[in-house]
Amino acid sequence: MFNDQSSKTRMPLSFEYPVYGHLSFQVGNRNESGWFNIEFPAYRAKIYLTYKDIKNDLDSLLEQTYKINVKYHITKADAINEQVINNQKEKVYGVLYDLKGNTASAVQFYVTDSVRHYLRGSLYFSAEPNPDSLAPVIEFFREDIIHLIETLKWIK
């Protein structure tokens, strides 16, 4: 379980992430907790993560995710591949997005148990987007994101 040091709250989830990354916590733009990252300084990369408790607002959370993708990524993407996530055993459902082309983020996802928990993630690099030169590194981190999702467990 992760302990958000900035607000002394606990996020009810666990997952595995690479040993070459480290977690950092932050407060959201409205003093919200649930914002944290996995940082990879050697690669100038970061997976931005946002956890939300679902409060009869799953439709709204999904709509926000869609709007972010449309506003910032879909218009610049050459193609978007979606991989449906359906882990019934751990109650982890969602979509992994691979954005092809000159986009700021090449891999994004959201997962939820559809009742209490929602997690959104986006991979970004501190470099000018260049899909050709970043392609091997994007695939490398994509595999790490898939592992994160496959090992995700909601804590009650």
C-alpha atoms as a PDB file:
ATOM      1  CA  MET A   1       0.000   0.000   0.000  1.00  0.00           C
ATOM      2  CA  PHE A   2       1.316   3.431  -0.835  1.00  0.00           C
ATOM      3  CA  ASN A   3       1.488   6.192   1.717  1.00  0.00           C
ATOM      4  CA  ASP A   4       1.066   9.658   0.231  1.00  0.00           C
ATOM      5  CA  GLN A   5       3.430  11.669   2.443  1.00  0.00           C
ATOM      6  CA  SER A   6       2.029  15.027   1.356  1.00  0.00           C
ATOM      7  CA  SER A   7      -1.452  14.399   2.697  1.00  0.00           C
ATOM      8  CA  LYS A   8      -1.013  11.408   5.034  1.00  0.00           C
ATOM      9  CA  THR A   9      -3.587   9.439   3.068  1.00  0.00           C
ATOM     10  CA  ARG A  10      -3.309   5.866   1.923  1.00  0.00           C
ATOM     11  CA  MET A  11      -4.078   4.682  -1.563  1.00  0.00           C
ATOM     12  CA  PRO A  12      -5.782   1.300  -1.574  1.00  0.00           C
ATOM     13  CA  LEU A  13      -3.750  -0.386  -4.290  1.00  0.00           C
ATOM     14  CA  SER A  14      -0.504  -2.195  -4.822  1.00  0.00           C
ATOM     15  CA  PHE A  15       1.505  -3.100  -7.921  1.00  0.00           C
ATOM     16  CA  GLU A  16       5.002  -3.989  -8.993  1.00  0.00           C
ATOM     17  CA  TYR A  17       7.186  -1.456 -10.758  1.00  0.00           C
ATOM     18  CA  PRO A  18      10.794  -1.633 -12.015  1.00  0.00           C
ATOM     19  CA  VAL A  19      13.711  -1.367  -9.595  1.00  0.00           C
ATOM     20  CA  TYR A  20      15.236   1.338 -11.822  1.00  0.00           C
ATOM     21  CA  GLY A  21      12.240   3.604 -11.125  1.00  0.00           C
ATOM     22  CA  HIS A  22      11.185   5.359  -7.947  1.00  0.00           C
ATOM     23  CA  LEU A  23       7.842   6.604  -6.666  1.00  0.00           C
ATOM     24  CA  SER A  24       7.207  10.265  -6.014  1.00  0.00           C
ATOM     25  CA  PHE A  25       4.027  11.772  -4.611  1.00  0.00           C
ATOM     26  CA  GLN A  26       2.402  15.111  -5.294  1.00  0.00           C
ATOM     27  CA  VAL A  27      -0.767  17.012  -4.563  1.00  0.00           C
ATOM     28  CA  GLY A  28      -3.191  17.572  -7.438  1.00  0.00           C
ATOM     29  CA  ASN A  29      -4.244  20.932  -8.823  1.00  0.00           C
ATOM     30  CA  ARG A  30      -7.113  21.251  -6.327  1.00  0.00           C
ATOM     31  CA  ASN A  31      -5.139  20.063  -3.303  1.00  0.00           C
ATOM     32  CA  GLU A  32      -6.248  16.492  -4.057  1.00  0.00           C
ATOM     33  CA  SER A  33      -4.284  13.451  -3.009  1.00  0.00           C
ATOM     34  CA  GLY A  34      -3.937  10.412  -5.254  1.00  0.00           C
ATOM     35  CA  TRP A  35      -1.402  11.919  -7.633  1.00  0.00           C
ATOM     36  CA  PHE A  36       1.889  10.057  -7.865  1.00  0.00           C
ATOM     37  CA  ASN A  37       4.533   9.113 -10.409  1.00  0.00           C
ATOM     38  CA  ILE A  38       7.069   6.471 -11.225  1.00  0.00           C
ATOM     39  CA  GLU A  39      10.177   8.362 -12.269  1.00  0.00           C
ATOM     40  CA  PHE A  40      13.008   7.020 -14.430  1.00  0.00           C
ATOM     41  CA  PRO A  41      15.719   9.725 -14.315  1.00  0.00           C
ATOM     42  CA  ALA A  42      18.223   7.747 -16.405  1.00  0.00           C
ATOM     43  CA  TYR A  43      15.681   7.693 -19.251  1.00  0.00           C
ATOM     44  CA  ARG A  44      14.180  11.139 -18.645  1.00  0.00           C
ATOM     45  CA  ALA A  45      10.821   9.374 -18.422  1.00  0.00           C
ATOM     46  CA  LYS A  46       7.905   9.403 -16.027  1.00  0.00           C
ATOM     47  CA  ILE A  47       4.677   7.470 -15.654  1.00  0.00           C
ATOM     48  CA  TYR A  48       2.130   9.905 -14.234  1.00  0.00           C
ATOM     49  CA  LEU A  49      -0.512   8.136 -12.142  1.00  0.00           C
ATOM     50  CA  THR A  50      -3.762   9.373 -10.653  1.00  0.00           C
ATOM     51  CA  TYR A  51      -5.873   7.329  -8.255  1.00  0.00           C
ATOM     52  CA  LYS A  52      -9.491   8.244  -7.510  1.00  0.00           C
ATOM     53  CA  ASP A  53     -12.126   6.717  -5.276  1.00  0.00           C
ATOM     54  CA  ILE A  54     -15.250   6.152  -7.318  1.00  0.00           C
ATOM     55  CA  LYS A  55     -18.175   8.012  -5.753  1.00  0.00           C
ATOM     56  CA  ASN A  56     -20.984   7.208  -8.180  1.00  0.00           C
ATOM     57  CA  ASP A  57     -18.918   9.082 -10.773  1.00  0.00           C
ATOM     58  CA  LEU A  58     -17.275   6.375 -12.899  1.00  0.00           C
ATOM     59  CA  ASP A  59     -18.944   7.751 -16.043  1.00  0.00           C
ATOM     60  CA  SER A  60     -17.482  11.178 -15.281  1.00  0.00           C
ATOM     61  CA  LEU A  61     -13.975   9.750 -14.694  1.00  0.00           C
ATOM     62  CA  LEU A  62     -14.123   7.825 -17.969  1.00  0.00           C
ATOM     63  CA  GLU A  63     -15.367  10.944 -19.775  1.00  0.00           C
ATOM     64  CA  GLN A  64     -12.453  12.984 -18.348  1.00  0.00           C
ATOM     65  CA  THR A  65      -9.998  10.362 -19.591  1.00  0.00           C
ATOM     66  CA  TYR A  66     -11.596  10.431 -23.025  1.00  0.00           C
ATOM     67  CA  LYS A  67     -11.524  14.248 -23.177  1.00  0.00           C
ATOM     68  CA  ILE A  68      -7.847  14.357 -22.195  1.00  0.00           C
ATOM     69  CA  ASN A  69      -7.017  11.872 -24.940  1.00  0.00           C
ATOM     70  CA  VAL A  70      -9.031  13.807 -27.531  1.00  0.00           C
ATOM     71  CA  LYS A  71      -7.769  17.249 -26.535  1.00  0.00           C
ATOM     72  CA  TYR A  72      -4.080  16.457 -26.208  1.00  0.00           C
ATOM     73  CA  HIS A  73      -3.337  13.287 -28.128  1.00  0.00           C
ATOM     74  CA  ILE A  74      -5.856  12.022 -30.670  1.00  0.00           C
ATOM     75  CA  THR A  75      -5.537  15.078 -32.894  1.00  0.00           C
ATOM     76  CA  LYS A  76      -1.753  14.524 -33.177  1.00  0.00           C
ATOM     77  CA  ALA A  77      -1.765  10.727 -33.317  1.00  0.00           C
ATOM     78  CA  ASP A  78      -1.409   8.881 -36.598  1.00  0.00           C
ATOM     79  CA  ALA A  79      -3.129   5.865 -35.043  1.00  0.00           C
ATOM     80  CA  ILE A  80      -4.418   4.675 -31.691  1.00  0.00           C
ATOM     81  CA  ASN A  81      -4.459   1.022 -30.734  1.00  0.00           C
ATOM     82  CA  GLU A  82      -6.572  -0.018 -27.773  1.00  0.00           C
ATOM     83  CA  GLN A  83      -5.988  -3.146 -25.717  1.00  0.00           C
ATOM     84  CA  VAL A  84      -8.869  -4.113 -23.439  1.00  0.00           C
ATOM     85  CA  ILE A  85      -7.877  -5.120 -19.904  1.00  0.00           C
ATOM     86  CA  ASN A  86     -10.112  -7.739 -18.323  1.00  0.00           C
ATOM     87  CA  ASN A  87      -8.681  -9.409 -15.208  1.00  0.00           C
ATOM     88  CA  GLN A  88     -11.751 -10.858 -13.528  1.00  0.00           C
ATOM     89  CA  LYS A  89      -9.762 -12.535 -10.750  1.00  0.00           C
ATOM     90  CA  GLU A  90      -8.358  -9.205  -9.448  1.00  0.00           C
ATOM     91  CA  LYS A  91     -11.305  -7.127 -10.711  1.00  0.00           C
ATOM     92  CA  VAL A  92      -9.084  -4.963 -12.896  1.00  0.00           C
ATOM     93  CA  TYR A  93     -10.811  -3.692 -16.049  1.00  0.00           C
ATOM     94  CA  GLY A  94      -9.825  -0.946 -18.445  1.00  0.00           C
ATOM     95  CA  VAL A  95      -8.029   0.032 -21.626  1.00  0.00           C
ATOM     96  CA  LEU A  96      -4.369   0.428 -22.586  1.00  0.00           C
ATOM     97  CA  TYR A  97      -3.862   2.989 -25.369  1.00  0.00           C
ATOM     98  CA  ASP A  98      -0.880   2.944 -27.734  1.00  0.00           C
ATOM     99  CA  LEU A  99      -0.681   6.289 -29.501  1.00  0.00           C
ATOM    100  CA  LYS A 100       1.370   6.261 -32.700  1.00  0.00           C
ATOM    101  CA  GLY A 101       2.944   9.328 -34.249  1.00  0.00           C
ATOM    102  CA  ASN A 102       4.112  12.680 -32.941  1.00  0.00           C
ATOM    103  CA  THR A 103       2.223  12.622 -29.622  1.00  0.00           C
ATOM    104  CA  ALA A 104       3.368  13.883 -26.225  1.00  0.00           C
ATOM    105  CA  SER A 105       2.462  10.556 -24.605  1.00  0.00           C
ATOM    106  CA  ALA A 106       2.786   7.246 -26.442  1.00  0.00           C
ATOM    107  CA  VAL A 107       1.217   4.952 -23.840  1.00  0.00           C
ATOM    108  CA  GLN A 108      -1.771   5.658 -21.606  1.00  0.00           C
ATOM    109  CA  PHE A 109      -4.180   3.532 -19.643  1.00  0.00           C
ATOM    110  CA  TYR A 110      -6.974   3.484 -17.162  1.00  0.00           C
ATOM    111  CA  VAL A 111      -8.106   0.631 -14.935  1.00  0.00           C
ATOM    112  CA  THR A 112     -10.970   0.280 -12.499  1.00  0.00           C
ATOM    113  CA  ASP A 113     -12.882  -2.294 -10.511  1.00  0.00           C
ATOM    114  CA  SER A 114     -16.042  -0.464 -11.699  1.00  0.00           C
ATOM    115  CA  VAL A 115     -17.215   0.107  -8.121  1.00  0.00           C
ATOM    116  CA  ARG A 116     -14.643   1.728  -5.795  1.00  0.00           C
ATOM    117  CA  HIS A 117     -11.292   2.260  -7.542  1.00  0.00           C
ATOM    118  CA  TYR A 118     -10.007   4.104 -10.610  1.00  0.00           C
ATOM    119  CA  LEU A 119      -6.380   4.504 -11.729  1.00  0.00           C
ATOM    120  CA  ARG A 120      -5.155   6.409 -14.760  1.00  0.00           C
ATOM    121  CA  GLY A 121      -1.600   6.452 -16.100  1.00  0.00           C
ATOM    122  CA  SER A 122       0.403   8.166 -18.849  1.00  0.00           C
ATOM    123  CA  LEU A 123       3.981   7.731 -20.015  1.00  0.00           C
ATOM    124  CA  TYR A 124       5.885  10.925 -20.827  1.00  0.00           C
ATOM    125  CA  PHE A 125       9.479  11.722 -21.714  1.00  0.00           C
ATOM    126  CA  SER A 126      11.354  14.946 -20.978  1.00  0.00           C
ATOM    127  CA  ALA A 127      12.332  15.143 -24.625  1.00  0.00           C
ATOM    128  CA  GLU A 128      10.870  16.357 -27.884  1.00  0.00           C
ATOM    129  CA  PRO A 129       8.491  13.688 -29.183  1.00  0.00           C
ATOM    130  CA  ASN A 130      10.230  11.771 -31.952  1.00  0.00           C
ATOM    131  CA  PRO A 131       8.446   8.479 -32.552  1.00  0.00           C
ATOM    132  CA  ASP A 132      11.276   6.934 -34.576  1.00  0.00           C
ATOM    133  CA  SER A 133      14.079   7.441 -32.055  1.00  0.00           C
ATOM    134  CA  LEU A 134      11.870   6.810 -29.004  1.00  0.00           C
ATOM    135  CA  ALA A 135      10.185   3.664 -30.377  1.00  0.00           C
ATOM    136  CA  PRO A 136      12.486   1.120 -28.668  1.00  0.00           C
ATOM    137  CA  VAL A 137      12.309   2.939 -25.326  1.00  0.00           C
ATOM    138  CA  ILE A 138       8.528   3.336 -25.586  1.00  0.00           C
ATOM    139  CA  GLU A 139       8.170  -0.413 -26.155  1.00  0.00           C
ATOM    140  CA  PHE A 140      10.486  -1.048 -23.182  1.00  0.00           C
ATOM    141  CA  PHE A 141       8.308   1.070 -20.870  1.00  0.00           C
ATOM    142  CA  ARG A 142       5.100  -0.282 -22.402  1.00  0.00           C
ATOM    143  CA  GLU A 143       6.100  -3.728 -21.127  1.00  0.00           C
ATOM    144  CA  ASP A 144       6.680  -2.226 -17.658  1.00  0.00           C
ATOM    145  CA  ILE A 145       3.215  -0.648 -17.759  1.00  0.00           C
ATOM    146  CA  ILE A 146       1.659  -3.957 -18.739  1.00  0.00           C
ATOM    147  CA  HIS A 147       3.456  -5.613 -15.813  1.00  0.00           C
ATOM    148  CA  LEU A 148       2.195  -2.867 -13.473  1.00  0.00           C
ATOM    149  CA  ILE A 149      -1.374  -3.534 -14.651  1.00  0.00           C
ATOM    150  CA  GLU A 150      -0.995  -7.318 -14.434  1.00  0.00           C
ATOM    151  CA  THR A 151       0.249  -7.104 -10.826  1.00  0.00           C
ATOM    152  CA  LEU A 152      -2.260  -4.450  -9.707  1.00  0.00           C
ATOM    153  CA  LYS A 153      -4.336  -5.365  -6.676  1.00  0.00           C
ATOM    154  CA  TRP A 154      -7.033  -3.238  -5.073  1.00  0.00           C
ATOM    155  CA  ILE A 155      -6.817  -3.145  -1.281  1.00  0.00           C
ATOM    156  CA  LYS A 156     -10.114  -2.925   0.558  1.00  0.00           C
END
